[in-house]
Structures are given as structure tokens and as C-alpha cells.
């Protein structure tokens, strides 16, 4: 995948300008956020894991305190202000998550035919592409169009949750590995479009970083430091954080496993063109 296109796509996915995070709330935002998702479930929303909103405090003995909140679909937001107490950090995270949840209900955030045409045109203009590229699923923009059309009717948050898997596969080098095994772009898209981001995928990626660290000592710590900076910057800007948060969790998992694997430990990824688990070497960053 074109790294420039991946960057453009990440910017395109942002659901709220950061300045909207300065809106003041007089309500109890923690309760309001939970009630919002319970209401969505009662109205028939397909929430596979229920309507529970999950909070995670970053361990700290002194301010500023940081809190992350994960919505039922998987989207993640974090406290974006200086929070002198843990309760304030929780409210700050709930505030930005509630604004995004409500904004996501607007008809403009639904993937429609008109939305697809506009988004593809913007992508073509950004990369000086031509219409033939948009109609060819083997190109980056063509794959982008394919994914949009496959998710017609969904909201932007729902689409972003799906695309997090592909962002992680690109970041981790798994897409490159599958290309080297002659897996077509359509096969990869078809396979992972129906694959939830689960512990199996996280463990596979963590094992890859264990292998990479053994081949290039210090690679893991450098990537973790870079990821933590990106996560903090995105959090303070009020952006959706799941991609950055998942990266950090995968790297922390790898760090915890670093002494558990031999130096020649094989790494496995799901190869959609064969439907089997295959080992692959580490990839240089």
C-alpha cells in the first residue's frame, strides 16, 4: 500500500475537528454516554459485545491523569485536557466520546453512493489519480472504493473500526508479507473485511515484534517510544485513538513476551489466498 495514501486515509477518517472538543457540558457526561449507547441498543443497533462503555485509567500517582474510553463498537477516545483528578480524566474522555457518538448519527456520516463518489474524487485529486484507478480494485484508491461500497449504509465510526485492522496490517508489515505470497488485494480485503480485531491478530503481531527485536535489538523500544508520542498527540487533539492504542498494546504485549520465545521463533499470519497459517520472517522498519 502507498504510505502516502495510508496517511491521507488516516486524516480523512477524523470525525471531529479538535476545536469542537472545547464545547462545555453541564450534564453528567459519563452517565449520558452510557445512556446513549443503551438507547442505540434498545433501538436495534447491532452491538455484538453489548452496550457497555469501558474506561481505562493510565496508572499514575500524580496529575495529570489520563483516561481512555472504548465504545461498544471498538472506537477509542481519551482525556484531552489537563486533568488534576482521575474523575476529571474520566469525564474528559467521556466528553469527547459522547460528542463523536452523537455527531456520528448525523446523516452526513453515513456511507451513501453520493458519499462514496465524493470521497473517491477527493482521493483521486489528492494523488493525481485517474478514474481507471478508482475502478481497479488492485490499486490503493480502487481498494478504498471497494471497501466503501462494501460498507454502504454504515456510519463513519463503524467503517473506521473495520479499517483499523487494515491500518495495523500495513503498519506491522503483514500486507507486504501477503503480497510476497501472491495474495491478491481482493483476497486480502475479502478475508479481513469479515475478521474482527481479536487476540489472535494481536498475538500474531506481537510475535512479529518479538522476532524483529531479536534480529535488531532496540527496534521494539524505538517503535514503542514513537507510538506513545503519536498516541499522546492524537489524544490531546481529541482524535479517535484505536489505531494508536492498539499499536501500543501490541508492542507492550511483545515486550512482555520478549523472554518467552527462542531467537528462531517463526511468526504466523493468516494468508487468505491459501486459508492457512504461514510463517514469515521479520520486516525491517
Protein backbone atom coordinates (compact mmCIF):
# COMPACT_ATOMS: atom_id res chain seq x y z
CA UNK A 1 0.00 0.00 0.00
CA UNK A 2 1.12 3.54 -0.76
CA UNK A 3 2.33 5.04 2.57
CA UNK A 4 1.16 8.47 1.44
CA UNK A 5 -2.31 7.14 0.73
CA UNK A 6 -2.41 5.46 4.16
CA UNK A 7 -1.56 8.82 5.77
CA UNK A 8 -4.20 10.64 3.72
CA UNK A 9 -6.73 7.98 4.63
CA UNK A 10 -6.00 8.35 8.35
CA UNK A 11 -6.60 12.11 8.11
CA UNK A 12 -9.78 11.53 6.09
CA UNK A 13 -11.15 9.31 8.87
CA UNK A 14 -11.06 12.03 11.54
CA UNK A 15 -14.64 12.53 12.68
CA UNK A 16 -14.43 15.82 14.59
CA UNK A 17 -12.32 18.96 14.40
CA UNK A 18 -10.32 19.26 17.61
CA UNK A 19 -11.81 22.68 18.35
CA UNK A 20 -15.22 21.04 18.92
CA UNK A 21 -13.68 19.37 21.97
CA UNK A 22 -13.77 22.75 23.72
CA UNK A 23 -17.59 22.59 23.97
CA UNK A 24 -18.77 22.86 27.57
CA UNK A 25 -21.19 20.32 29.06
CA UNK A 26 -23.46 20.91 32.03
CA UNK A 27 -24.71 17.29 32.07
CA UNK A 28 -23.12 14.23 33.65
CA UNK A 29 -21.24 13.13 30.54
CA UNK A 30 -20.27 9.71 31.92
CA UNK A 31 -23.91 8.78 32.51
CA UNK A 32 -25.01 10.43 29.27
CA UNK A 33 -22.51 8.41 27.21
CA UNK A 34 -23.64 5.11 28.72
CA UNK A 35 -27.32 6.02 28.25
CA UNK A 36 -26.66 6.97 24.63
CA UNK A 37 -25.30 3.51 23.79
CA UNK A 38 -28.02 1.74 25.76
CA UNK A 39 -30.55 3.73 23.76
CA UNK A 40 -28.87 2.68 20.50
CA UNK A 41 -29.03 -0.96 21.56
CA UNK A 42 -32.70 -0.68 22.53
CA UNK A 43 -33.42 0.75 19.07
CA UNK A 44 -31.89 -2.26 17.36
CA UNK A 45 -28.23 -1.33 16.88
CA UNK A 46 -26.08 -4.41 16.23
CA UNK A 47 -23.73 -4.29 19.23
CA UNK A 48 -22.10 -7.71 19.31
CA UNK A 49 -20.49 -7.14 22.71
CA UNK A 50 -23.36 -5.26 24.31
CA UNK A 51 -23.72 -1.56 25.12
CA UNK A 52 -21.12 -1.32 27.88
CA UNK A 53 -18.72 1.62 27.67
CA UNK A 54 -15.28 0.66 29.07
CA UNK A 55 -12.89 3.08 30.82
CA UNK A 56 -9.17 2.52 31.33
CA UNK A 57 -7.05 4.72 33.57
CA UNK A 58 -3.34 5.05 32.84
CA UNK A 59 -1.53 4.13 36.10
CA UNK A 60 -0.19 7.27 37.78
CA UNK A 61 0.32 8.55 41.31
CA UNK A 62 0.14 12.23 40.38
CA UNK A 63 -1.56 14.51 37.85
CA UNK A 64 -2.12 14.94 35.05
CA UNK A 65 -4.25 11.80 34.96
CA UNK A 66 -5.11 10.13 31.65
CA UNK A 67 -8.16 8.00 30.88
CA UNK A 68 -9.20 6.11 27.75
CA UNK A 69 -12.75 5.10 26.90
CA UNK A 70 -13.66 2.35 24.44
CA UNK A 71 -17.10 2.43 22.86
CA UNK A 72 -19.15 -0.74 22.22
CA UNK A 73 -18.10 -0.87 18.56
CA UNK A 74 -14.41 -0.55 19.40
CA UNK A 75 -13.71 3.15 18.81
CA UNK A 76 -11.43 4.68 21.42
CA UNK A 77 -11.06 8.22 22.77
CA UNK A 78 -9.04 9.72 25.60
CA UNK A 79 -8.98 12.62 28.02
CA UNK A 80 -7.76 15.63 26.06
CA UNK A 81 -7.38 18.21 28.84
CA UNK A 82 -5.07 18.64 31.83
CA UNK A 83 -6.89 16.54 34.43
CA UNK A 84 -5.95 17.09 38.09
CA UNK A 85 -8.08 14.14 39.27
CA UNK A 86 -8.97 10.68 37.98
CA UNK A 87 -12.65 11.63 37.98
CA UNK A 88 -11.91 14.63 35.76
CA UNK A 89 -9.91 12.45 33.37
CA UNK A 90 -12.86 10.06 33.11
CA UNK A 91 -15.23 12.97 32.39
CA UNK A 92 -12.86 14.40 29.78
CA UNK A 93 -12.69 11.07 27.93
CA UNK A 94 -16.46 10.64 28.14
CA UNK A 95 -16.99 14.16 26.79
CA UNK A 96 -15.07 13.67 23.55
CA UNK A 97 -16.53 10.18 23.11
CA UNK A 98 -20.08 11.47 23.56
CA UNK A 99 -19.59 14.27 21.03
CA UNK A 100 -18.24 11.81 18.47
CA UNK A 101 -21.03 9.32 19.20
CA UNK A 102 -23.73 11.95 18.68
CA UNK A 103 -22.04 13.51 15.65
CA UNK A 104 -21.73 10.06 14.11
CA UNK A 105 -25.54 9.81 13.96
CA UNK A 106 -25.77 12.71 11.51
CA UNK A 107 -26.85 11.62 8.00
CA UNK A 108 -23.67 13.16 6.57
CA UNK A 109 -21.66 10.49 8.38
CA UNK A 110 -23.42 7.62 6.61
CA UNK A 111 -21.76 5.92 3.65
CA UNK A 112 -24.03 6.52 0.67
CA UNK A 113 -23.49 6.48 -3.11
CA UNK A 114 -23.02 10.24 -3.04
CA UNK A 115 -20.57 9.98 -0.13
CA UNK A 116 -18.55 7.32 -1.97
CA UNK A 117 -18.30 9.38 -5.17
CA UNK A 118 -17.21 12.47 -3.27
CA UNK A 119 -14.64 10.59 -1.17
CA UNK A 120 -13.15 8.78 -4.17
CA UNK A 121 -12.95 12.05 -6.11
CA UNK A 122 -11.09 13.66 -3.20
CA UNK A 123 -8.67 10.72 -3.10
CA UNK A 124 -8.05 10.96 -6.83
CA UNK A 125 -7.43 14.70 -6.58
CA UNK A 126 -5.03 14.25 -3.66
CA UNK A 127 -2.91 11.71 -5.55
CA UNK A 128 -3.36 12.96 -9.12
CA UNK A 129 -5.08 9.69 -9.94
CA UNK A 130 -7.36 8.88 -12.85
CA UNK A 131 -10.82 7.34 -12.99
CA UNK A 132 -9.41 3.99 -14.17
CA UNK A 133 -7.57 3.65 -10.85
CA UNK A 134 -10.81 4.09 -8.92
CA UNK A 135 -12.42 1.28 -10.89
CA UNK A 136 -9.49 -1.12 -10.41
CA UNK A 137 -9.56 -2.91 -7.02
CA UNK A 138 -5.86 -3.74 -7.41
CA UNK A 139 -4.94 -0.07 -6.85
CA UNK A 140 -4.97 1.70 -3.49
CA UNK A 141 -7.80 4.03 -4.47
CA UNK A 142 -9.71 1.18 -6.09
CA UNK A 143 -9.43 -0.82 -2.87
CA UNK A 144 -10.61 2.24 -0.95
CA UNK A 145 -13.69 2.42 -3.17
CA UNK A 146 -14.30 -1.31 -2.80
CA UNK A 147 -14.24 -1.00 0.99
CA UNK A 148 -16.64 1.94 0.95
CA UNK A 149 -19.09 0.16 -1.33
CA UNK A 150 -18.86 -2.98 0.82
CA UNK A 151 -19.89 -0.92 3.84
CA UNK A 152 -22.64 1.16 2.31
CA UNK A 153 -25.16 2.25 4.92
CA UNK A 154 -22.69 2.11 7.81
CA UNK A 155 -21.54 5.13 9.80
CA UNK A 156 -18.03 6.54 9.70
CA UNK A 157 -17.21 5.21 13.16
CA UNK A 158 -18.33 1.73 12.10
CA UNK A 159 -16.19 1.99 8.97
CA UNK A 160 -13.21 3.27 10.92
CA UNK A 161 -13.43 0.32 13.31
CA UNK A 162 -13.16 -2.02 10.32
CA UNK A 163 -10.30 -0.10 8.73
CA UNK A 164 -8.24 -0.23 11.93
CA UNK A 165 -7.46 -3.87 11.07
CA UNK A 166 -6.01 -2.86 7.69
CA UNK A 167 -4.07 0.05 9.22
CA UNK A 168 -2.47 -2.39 11.68
CA UNK A 169 -1.71 -4.93 8.95
CA UNK A 170 0.02 -2.19 6.95
CA UNK A 171 1.95 -0.90 9.99
CA UNK A 172 3.08 -4.37 11.00
CA UNK A 173 4.28 -5.43 7.56
CA UNK A 174 1.66 -8.17 7.20
CA UNK A 175 0.25 -6.72 3.97
CA UNK A 176 3.73 -6.80 2.47
CA UNK A 177 4.11 -10.43 3.55
CA UNK A 178 0.84 -11.39 1.88
CA UNK A 179 1.79 -9.58 -1.33
CA UNK A 180 5.04 -11.53 -1.41
CA UNK A 181 2.94 -14.71 -1.24
CA UNK A 182 0.98 -13.54 -4.29
CA UNK A 183 -2.22 -12.92 -2.34
CA UNK A 184 -4.34 -10.56 -4.41
CA UNK A 185 -5.65 -7.32 -2.92
CA UNK A 186 -9.21 -8.61 -3.39
CA UNK A 187 -8.45 -11.78 -1.42
CA UNK A 188 -6.92 -9.80 1.43
CA UNK A 189 -9.83 -7.35 1.53
CA UNK A 190 -12.43 -10.10 1.38
CA UNK A 191 -10.77 -12.06 4.19
CA UNK A 192 -10.08 -9.27 6.66
CA UNK A 193 -13.30 -7.36 5.97
CA UNK A 194 -15.06 -10.08 7.94
CA UNK A 195 -12.33 -10.57 10.54
CA UNK A 196 -12.72 -8.76 13.84
CA UNK A 197 -9.65 -7.39 15.56
CA UNK A 198 -9.13 -10.07 18.20
CA UNK A 199 -6.47 -11.54 20.48
CA UNK A 200 -5.25 -13.88 17.73
CA UNK A 201 -4.35 -10.95 15.46
CA UNK A 202 -2.78 -9.04 18.36
CA UNK A 203 -0.69 -12.06 19.39
CA UNK A 204 0.48 -12.64 15.82
CA UNK A 205 1.65 -9.04 15.54
CA UNK A 206 3.27 -9.13 18.99
CA UNK A 207 5.19 -12.27 17.97
CA UNK A 208 6.42 -10.43 14.88
CA UNK A 209 7.82 -7.67 17.09
CA UNK A 210 9.47 -10.24 19.35
CA UNK A 211 11.18 -11.65 16.25
CA UNK A 212 12.08 -8.20 14.97
CA UNK A 213 13.60 -7.20 18.31
CA UNK A 214 15.73 -10.34 18.35
CA UNK A 215 17.03 -9.57 14.87
CA UNK A 216 17.50 -5.85 15.55
CA UNK A 217 17.94 -5.08 19.26
CA UNK A 218 16.30 -1.80 20.24
CA UNK A 219 13.68 -1.87 17.46
CA UNK A 220 10.87 -2.56 19.90
CA UNK A 221 11.76 0.26 22.32
CA UNK A 222 12.14 2.76 19.47
CA UNK A 223 8.78 1.85 17.98
CA UNK A 224 7.11 1.95 21.39
CA UNK A 225 8.51 5.43 22.12
CA UNK A 226 7.31 6.68 18.73
CA UNK A 227 3.89 5.12 19.22
CA UNK A 228 3.48 6.66 22.68
CA UNK A 229 4.26 10.11 21.25
CA UNK A 230 1.74 9.64 18.45
CA UNK A 231 -0.89 8.42 20.91
CA UNK A 232 -0.41 11.42 23.20
CA UNK A 233 -0.54 13.88 20.31
CA UNK A 234 -3.73 12.34 18.93
CA UNK A 235 -5.32 12.17 22.39
CA UNK A 236 -4.65 15.83 23.15
CA UNK A 237 -6.08 16.76 19.75
CA UNK A 238 -9.33 14.95 20.56
CA UNK A 239 -8.93 12.36 17.79
CA UNK A 240 -10.12 8.76 17.60
CA UNK A 241 -7.34 6.63 19.07
CA UNK A 242 -7.95 2.96 18.42
CA UNK A 243 -5.18 2.53 15.84
CA UNK A 244 -2.58 4.20 18.09
CA UNK A 245 -3.87 2.46 21.22
CA UNK A 246 -3.84 -0.97 19.56
CA UNK A 247 -0.28 -0.37 18.37
CA UNK A 248 0.85 0.44 21.89
CA UNK A 249 -0.98 -2.58 23.35
CA UNK A 250 0.62 -4.89 20.75
CA UNK A 251 4.08 -3.51 21.46
CA UNK A 252 3.56 -3.81 25.23
CA UNK A 253 2.42 -7.40 24.70
CA UNK A 254 5.58 -8.08 22.71
CA UNK A 255 7.72 -6.51 25.43
CA UNK A 256 6.11 -8.81 27.99
CA UNK A 257 6.76 -11.85 25.81
CA UNK A 258 10.28 -10.94 24.76
CA UNK A 259 11.89 -13.54 27.03
CA UNK A 260 9.32 -16.24 26.26
CA UNK A 261 10.36 -17.07 22.69
CA UNK A 262 13.54 -18.55 21.21
CA UNK A 263 15.50 -16.43 18.77
CA UNK A 264 14.35 -18.51 15.80
CA UNK A 265 10.64 -18.30 16.70
CA UNK A 266 8.54 -18.36 13.48
CA UNK A 267 5.85 -15.76 13.01
CA UNK A 268 2.48 -16.61 11.52
CA UNK A 269 -0.04 -14.58 9.59
CA UNK A 270 -3.29 -15.65 8.00
CA UNK A 271 -2.73 -15.99 4.28
CA UNK A 272 -6.19 -15.51 2.70
CA UNK A 273 -5.16 -16.96 -0.65
CA UNK A 274 -4.34 -20.31 0.98
CA UNK A 275 -6.55 -20.11 4.07
CA UNK A 276 -3.72 -21.44 6.22
CA UNK A 277 -1.28 -20.18 8.82
CA UNK A 278 2.12 -19.43 7.34
CA UNK A 279 5.38 -18.40 8.95
CA UNK A 280 7.10 -15.26 7.81
CA UNK A 281 10.37 -13.50 8.58
CA UNK A 282 10.57 -10.19 10.38
CA UNK A 283 10.46 -7.00 8.35
CA UNK A 284 12.79 -4.09 8.80
CA UNK A 285 11.12 -0.86 9.81
